[in-house]
C-alpha atoms as a PDB file:
ATOM      1  CA  PRO A   1      69.629 128.679 -48.954  1.00  0.00           C
ATOM      2  CA  SER A   2      72.277 130.203 -46.749  1.00  0.00           C
ATOM      3  CA  SER A   3      75.855 128.982 -46.844  1.00  0.00           C
ATOM      4  CA  PRO A   4      77.239 127.079 -43.879  1.00  0.00           C
ATOM      5  CA  ALA A   5      79.379 129.037 -41.471  1.00  0.00           C
ATOM      6  CA  PRO A   6      83.054 128.696 -42.348  1.00  0.00           C
ATOM      7  CA  PRO A   7      85.213 126.823 -39.860  1.00  0.00           C
ATOM      8  CA  PRO A   8      87.215 128.880 -37.373  1.00  0.00           C
ATOM      9  CA  PRO A   9      90.632 129.893 -38.696  1.00  0.00           C
ATOM     10  CA  SER A  10      93.194 127.193 -38.138  1.00  0.00           C
ATOM     11  CA  PRO A  11      96.165 128.485 -36.176  1.00  0.00           C
ATOM     12  CA  PRO A  12      99.515 128.968 -37.896  1.00  0.00           C
ATOM     13  CA  SER A  13     102.579 127.084 -36.745  1.00  0.00           C
ATOM     14  CA  PRO A  14     102.666 127.025 -32.927  1.00  0.00           C
ATOM     15  CA  ARG A  15     106.137 128.587 -32.999  1.00  0.00           C
ATOM     16  CA  PHE A  16     104.796 131.564 -34.933  1.00  0.00           C
ATOM     17  CA  ALA A  17     102.121 132.639 -32.527  1.00  0.00           C
ATOM     18  CA  ALA A  18     102.514 130.636 -29.362  1.00  0.00           C
ATOM     19  CA  ASP A  19     101.107 133.356 -27.130  1.00  0.00           C
ATOM     20  CA  ALA A  20      98.518 134.791 -29.542  1.00  0.00           C
ATOM     21  CA  ASP A  21      94.867 134.749 -28.591  1.00  0.00           C
ATOM     22  CA  GLU A  22      92.056 133.858 -31.010  1.00  0.00           C
ATOM     23  CA  ALA A  23      91.453 137.508 -31.998  1.00  0.00           C
ATOM     24  CA  THR A  24      95.126 137.968 -32.888  1.00  0.00           C
ATOM     25  CA  LEU A  25      95.187 134.739 -34.900  1.00  0.00           C
ATOM     26  CA  LYS A  26      92.089 135.956 -36.736  1.00  0.00           C
ATOM     27  CA  LYS A  27      93.909 139.204 -37.630  1.00  0.00           C
ATOM     28  CA  TYR A  28      96.911 137.218 -38.850  1.00  0.00           C
ATOM     29  CA  ARG A  29      94.647 135.084 -41.026  1.00  0.00           C
ATOM     30  CA  GLU A  30      92.916 138.185 -42.419  1.00  0.00           C
ATOM     31  CA  ALA A  31      96.303 139.659 -43.337  1.00  0.00           C
ATOM     32  CA  GLU A  32      97.452 136.378 -44.886  1.00  0.00           C
ATOM     33  CA  VAL A  33      94.306 135.969 -47.008  1.00  0.00           C
ATOM     34  CA  THR A  34      94.373 139.587 -48.134  1.00  0.00           C
ATOM     35  CA  HIS A  35      98.053 139.598 -49.035  1.00  0.00           C
ATOM     36  CA  GLY A  36      97.682 136.244 -50.756  1.00  0.00           C
ATOM     37  CA  ARG A  37      94.838 137.546 -52.927  1.00  0.00           C
ATOM     38  CA  VAL A  38      96.784 140.671 -53.841  1.00  0.00           C
ATOM     39  CA  ALA A  39      99.836 138.554 -54.662  1.00  0.00           C
ATOM     40  CA  MET A  40      97.804 136.215 -56.879  1.00  0.00           C
ATOM     41  CA  LEU A  41      96.531 139.237 -58.814  1.00  0.00           C
ATOM     42  CA  ALA A  42     100.058 140.668 -58.953  1.00  0.00           C
ATOM     43  CA  VAL A  43     101.528 137.501 -60.446  1.00  0.00           C
ATOM     44  CA  VAL A  44      98.846 137.440 -63.131  1.00  0.00           C
ATOM     45  CA  GLY A  45      99.400 141.170 -63.680  1.00  0.00           C
ATOM     46  CA  PHE A  46     103.130 140.714 -64.139  1.00  0.00           C
ATOM     47  CA  LEU A  47     102.712 137.983 -66.720  1.00  0.00           C
ATOM     48  CA  VAL A  48      99.751 139.422 -68.630  1.00  0.00           C
ATOM     49  CA  GLY A  49     101.086 142.990 -68.504  1.00  0.00           C
ATOM     50  CA  GLU A  50     104.359 141.938 -70.046  1.00  0.00           C
ATOM     51  CA  ALA A  51     102.726 139.540 -72.527  1.00  0.00           C
ATOM     52  CA  VAL A  52     100.444 142.188 -74.065  1.00  0.00           C
ATOM     53  CA  GLU A  53     103.063 144.948 -73.993  1.00  0.00           C
ATOM     54  CA  GLY A  54     102.809 147.038 -77.144  1.00  0.00           C
ATOM     55  CA  SER A  55      99.842 145.105 -78.534  1.00  0.00           C
ATOM     56  CA  THR A  56      96.969 146.572 -76.553  1.00  0.00           C
ATOM     57  CA  PRO A  57      95.012 149.671 -77.573  1.00  0.00           C
ATOM     58  CA  LEU A  58      94.861 150.715 -73.920  1.00  0.00           C
ATOM     59  CA  PHE A  59      97.035 153.797 -73.391  1.00  0.00           C
ATOM     60  CA  ASP A  60      98.021 153.719 -77.104  1.00  0.00           C
ATOM     61  CA  ALA A  61     100.314 150.746 -76.408  1.00  0.00           C
ATOM     62  CA  GLN A  62     102.904 153.136 -74.936  1.00  0.00           C
ATOM     63  CA  ILE A  63     103.512 151.268 -71.666  1.00  0.00           C
ATOM     64  CA  THR A  64     106.665 149.212 -72.073  1.00  0.00           C
ATOM     65  CA  GLY A  65     109.446 147.546 -70.140  1.00  0.00           C
ATOM     66  CA  PRO A  66     109.439 145.366 -67.057  1.00  0.00           C
ATOM     67  CA  ALA A  67     106.174 145.219 -65.111  1.00  0.00           C
ATOM     68  CA  ILE A  68     107.663 147.098 -62.139  1.00  0.00           C
ATOM     69  CA  THR A  69     107.950 150.160 -64.411  1.00  0.00           C
ATOM     70  CA  HIS A  70     104.385 150.043 -65.766  1.00  0.00           C
ATOM     71  CA  PHE A  71     102.490 151.951 -63.070  1.00  0.00           C
ATOM     72  CA  PRO A  72     104.568 155.163 -63.328  1.00  0.00           C
ATOM     73  CA  GLN A  73     103.928 155.129 -67.106  1.00  0.00           C
ATOM     74  CA  ILE A  74     100.140 155.298 -66.708  1.00  0.00           C
ATOM     75  CA  PRO A  75      98.772 158.645 -67.923  1.00  0.00           C
ATOM     76  CA  VAL A  76      98.006 161.279 -65.304  1.00  0.00           C
ATOM     77  CA  GLY A  77      94.532 160.805 -63.870  1.00  0.00           C
ATOM     78  CA  TRP A  78      94.406 157.035 -64.302  1.00  0.00           C
ATOM     79  CA  ASP A  79      96.482 156.544 -61.178  1.00  0.00           C
ATOM     80  CA  LEU A  80      93.884 158.529 -59.224  1.00  0.00           C
ATOM     81  CA  ILE A  81      91.098 156.319 -60.610  1.00  0.00           C
ATOM     82  CA  ILE A  82      93.017 153.160 -59.659  1.00  0.00           C
ATOM     83  CA  VAL A  83      93.833 154.391 -56.149  1.00  0.00           C
ATOM     84  CA  THR A  84      90.200 155.470 -55.637  1.00  0.00           C
ATOM     85  CA  ALA A  85      88.936 152.032 -56.715  1.00  0.00           C
ATOM     86  CA  ILE A  86      91.364 150.321 -54.336  1.00  0.00           C
ATOM     87  CA  GLY A  87      90.312 152.676 -51.530  1.00  0.00           C
ATOM     88  CA  PHE A  88      86.636 151.904 -52.157  1.00  0.00           C
ATOM     89  CA  ALA A  89      87.313 148.147 -52.082  1.00  0.00           C
ATOM     90  CA  GLU A  90      89.252 148.499 -48.824  1.00  0.00           C
ATOM     91  CA  LEU A  91      86.477 150.611 -47.283  1.00  0.00           C
ATOM     92  CA  GLN A  92      83.910 147.938 -48.155  1.00  0.00           C
ATOM     93  CA  ARG A  93      86.137 145.254 -46.618  1.00  0.00           C
ATOM     94  CA  ALA A  94      86.572 147.344 -43.461  1.00  0.00           C
ATOM     95  CA  LEU A  95      82.829 147.948 -43.138  1.00  0.00           C
ATOM     96  CA  VAL A  96      82.117 144.223 -43.397  1.00  0.00           C
ATOM     97  CA  GLY A  97      84.941 142.857 -41.258  1.00  0.00           C
ATOM     98  CA  TRP A  98      86.002 145.407 -38.686  1.00  0.00           C
ATOM     99  CA  VAL A  99      84.441 146.748 -35.541  1.00  0.00           C
ATOM    100  CA  ASN A 100      83.681 150.453 -35.886  1.00  0.00           C
ATOM    101  CA  PRO A 101      86.598 152.326 -34.231  1.00  0.00           C
ATOM    102  CA  LYS A 102      84.213 154.322 -32.032  1.00  0.00           C
ATOM    103  CA  ASP A 103      82.919 151.008 -30.598  1.00  0.00           C
ATOM    104  CA  ALA A 104      86.363 149.510 -29.922  1.00  0.00           C
ATOM    105  CA  PRO A 105      88.507 150.121 -26.854  1.00  0.00           C
ATOM    106  CA  VAL A 106      91.212 152.710 -27.438  1.00  0.00           C
ATOM    107  CA  ASP A 107      93.941 150.224 -26.529  1.00  0.00           C
ATOM    108  CA  GLN A 108      92.574 147.575 -28.969  1.00  0.00           C
ATOM    109  CA  PRO A 109      92.352 149.149 -32.418  1.00  0.00           C
ATOM    110  CA  GLY A 110      91.570 147.137 -35.533  1.00  0.00           C
ATOM    111  CA  GLN A 111      89.317 144.531 -33.958  1.00  0.00           C
ATOM    112  CA  LEU A 112      87.542 142.157 -36.310  1.00  0.00           C
ATOM    113  CA  ARG A 113      83.855 141.460 -35.847  1.00  0.00           C
ATOM    114  CA  ASP A 114      83.040 138.264 -33.942  1.00  0.00           C
ATOM    115  CA  ASP A 115      80.809 136.970 -36.760  1.00  0.00           C
ATOM    116  CA  TYR A 116      83.360 137.759 -39.494  1.00  0.00           C
ATOM    117  CA  TYR A 117      85.456 135.028 -41.078  1.00  0.00           C
ATOM    118  CA  PRO A 118      88.773 136.351 -42.439  1.00  0.00           C
ATOM    119  CA  GLY A 119      88.440 137.106 -46.132  1.00  0.00           C
ATOM    120  CA  ASP A 120      84.700 136.421 -46.365  1.00  0.00           C
ATOM    121  CA  ILE A 121      83.186 139.764 -47.335  1.00  0.00           C
ATOM    122  CA  GLY A 122      80.153 138.177 -48.994  1.00  0.00           C
ATOM    123  CA  PHE A 123      81.400 138.821 -52.531  1.00  0.00           C
ATOM    124  CA  ASP A 124      80.780 135.676 -54.603  1.00  0.00           C
ATOM    125  CA  PRO A 125      79.170 136.755 -57.897  1.00  0.00           C
ATOM    126  CA  LEU A 126      79.964 133.427 -59.595  1.00  0.00           C
ATOM    127  CA  GLY A 127      78.607 131.315 -56.740  1.00  0.00           C
ATOM    128  CA  LEU A 128      81.884 129.455 -56.227  1.00  0.00           C
ATOM    129  CA  LYS A 129      81.626 129.183 -52.440  1.00  0.00           C
ATOM    130  CA  PRO A 130      80.776 125.556 -51.615  1.00  0.00           C
ATOM    131  CA  GLU A 131      77.719 124.771 -49.493  1.00  0.00           C
ATOM    132  CA  ASP A 132      79.370 121.743 -47.883  1.00  0.00           C
ATOM    133  CA  PRO A 133      81.563 122.725 -44.885  1.00  0.00           C
ATOM    134  CA  GLU A 134      84.241 120.156 -45.768  1.00  0.00           C
ATOM    135  CA  GLU A 135      84.463 121.417 -49.348  1.00  0.00           C
ATOM    136  CA  LEU A 136      84.593 124.995 -48.049  1.00  0.00           C
ATOM    137  CA  ASP A 137      87.445 124.130 -45.692  1.00  0.00           C
ATOM    138  CA  LEU A 138      89.315 122.481 -48.582  1.00  0.00           C
ATOM    139  CA  MET A 139      88.766 125.532 -50.799  1.00  0.00           C
ATOM    140  CA  ILE A 140      89.963 127.872 -48.038  1.00  0.00           C
ATOM    141  CA  THR A 141      93.101 125.758 -47.592  1.00  0.00           C
ATOM    142  CA  LYS A 142      93.787 125.796 -51.336  1.00  0.00           C
ATOM    143  CA  GLU A 143      93.362 129.577 -51.445  1.00  0.00           C
ATOM    144  CA  LEU A 144      95.801 130.024 -48.552  1.00  0.00           C
ATOM    145  CA  GLN A 145      98.375 127.727 -50.137  1.00  0.00           C
ATOM    146  CA  ASN A 146      98.074 129.376 -53.558  1.00  0.00           C
ATOM    147  CA  GLY A 147      98.279 132.791 -51.898  1.00  0.00           C
ATOM    148  CA  ARG A 148     101.454 131.815 -50.070  1.00  0.00           C
ATOM    149  CA  LEU A 149     103.018 130.585 -53.292  1.00  0.00           C
ATOM    150  CA  ALA A 150     101.940 133.770 -55.087  1.00  0.00           C
ATOM    151  CA  MET A 151     103.506 135.943 -52.362  1.00  0.00           C
ATOM    152  CA  LEU A 152     106.822 134.199 -52.929  1.00  0.00           C
ATOM    153  CA  ALA A 153     106.450 134.403 -56.710  1.00  0.00           C
ATOM    154  CA  ALA A 154     105.587 138.112 -56.654  1.00  0.00           C
ATOM    155  CA  ALA A 155     108.549 138.824 -54.378  1.00  0.00           C
ATOM    156  CA  GLY A 156     110.792 136.886 -56.748  1.00  0.00           C
ATOM    157  CA  PHE A 157     109.423 138.742 -59.787  1.00  0.00           C
ATOM    158  CA  LEU A 158     109.979 142.105 -58.081  1.00  0.00           C
ATOM    159  CA  ALA A 159     113.510 141.208 -57.027  1.00  0.00           C
ATOM    160  CA  GLN A 160     114.468 139.787 -60.430  1.00  0.00           C
ATOM    161  CA  GLU A 161     113.192 142.802 -62.350  1.00  0.00           C
ATOM    162  CA  ALA A 162     114.833 145.216 -59.906  1.00  0.00           C
ATOM    163  CA  VAL A 163     118.188 143.432 -60.200  1.00  0.00           C
ATOM    164  CA  ASP A 164     118.565 143.213 -63.967  1.00  0.00           C
ATOM    165  CA  GLY A 165     115.878 145.516 -65.397  1.00  0.00           C
ATOM    166  CA  LYS A 166     114.455 142.776 -67.620  1.00  0.00           C
ATOM    167  CA  GLY A 167     110.859 141.656 -67.682  1.00  0.00           C
ATOM    168  CA  ILE A 168     110.024 138.217 -66.336  1.00  0.00           C
ATOM    169  CA  LEU A 169     108.956 136.931 -69.751  1.00  0.00           C
ATOM    170  CA  GLU A 170     112.248 138.140 -71.230  1.00  0.00           C
ATOM    171  CA  HIS A 171     114.036 135.604 -69.061  1.00  0.00           C
ATOM    172  CA  PHE A 172     112.089 132.785 -70.687  1.00  0.00           C
ATOM    173  CA  SER A 173     112.918 133.898 -74.221  1.00  0.00           C
ATOM    174  CA  SER A 174     116.646 134.501 -73.688  1.00  0.00           C
END
């Protein structure tokens, strides 16, 4: 059975985009969902990365310090693998959601497909997407709210570590 079509994106605060058309609002929602998902992963990465510091066999347990210093410590070659994986994921997202640039007007780059719902690239290996439209709308709202909170948390983590050079978990133990 096919899933119901997601509801159209709800507009942000009227003050934010008073003159935006539906296509622009859809782009804003795509950016918000994407950044929220990245931020949720970042928050988990900060906490887990610092919690397992020195106790994981990965990279001979040599990656230490605050999470903002971890990526430069990754051995040469691994960064290329990570960037390639991210690039592949972004390419897949672009192929699913965006109009091919050769089919879009020159003065309107980055158009989203009409049948694309922001963030819905068809990847649901655990079957978590609800069949009921009301449940789906509730889940979408929860994801947006958690993503917004995670964006603030990740920004706070980055700022705190940059200011004092201590890991986030260090602040809880001192």
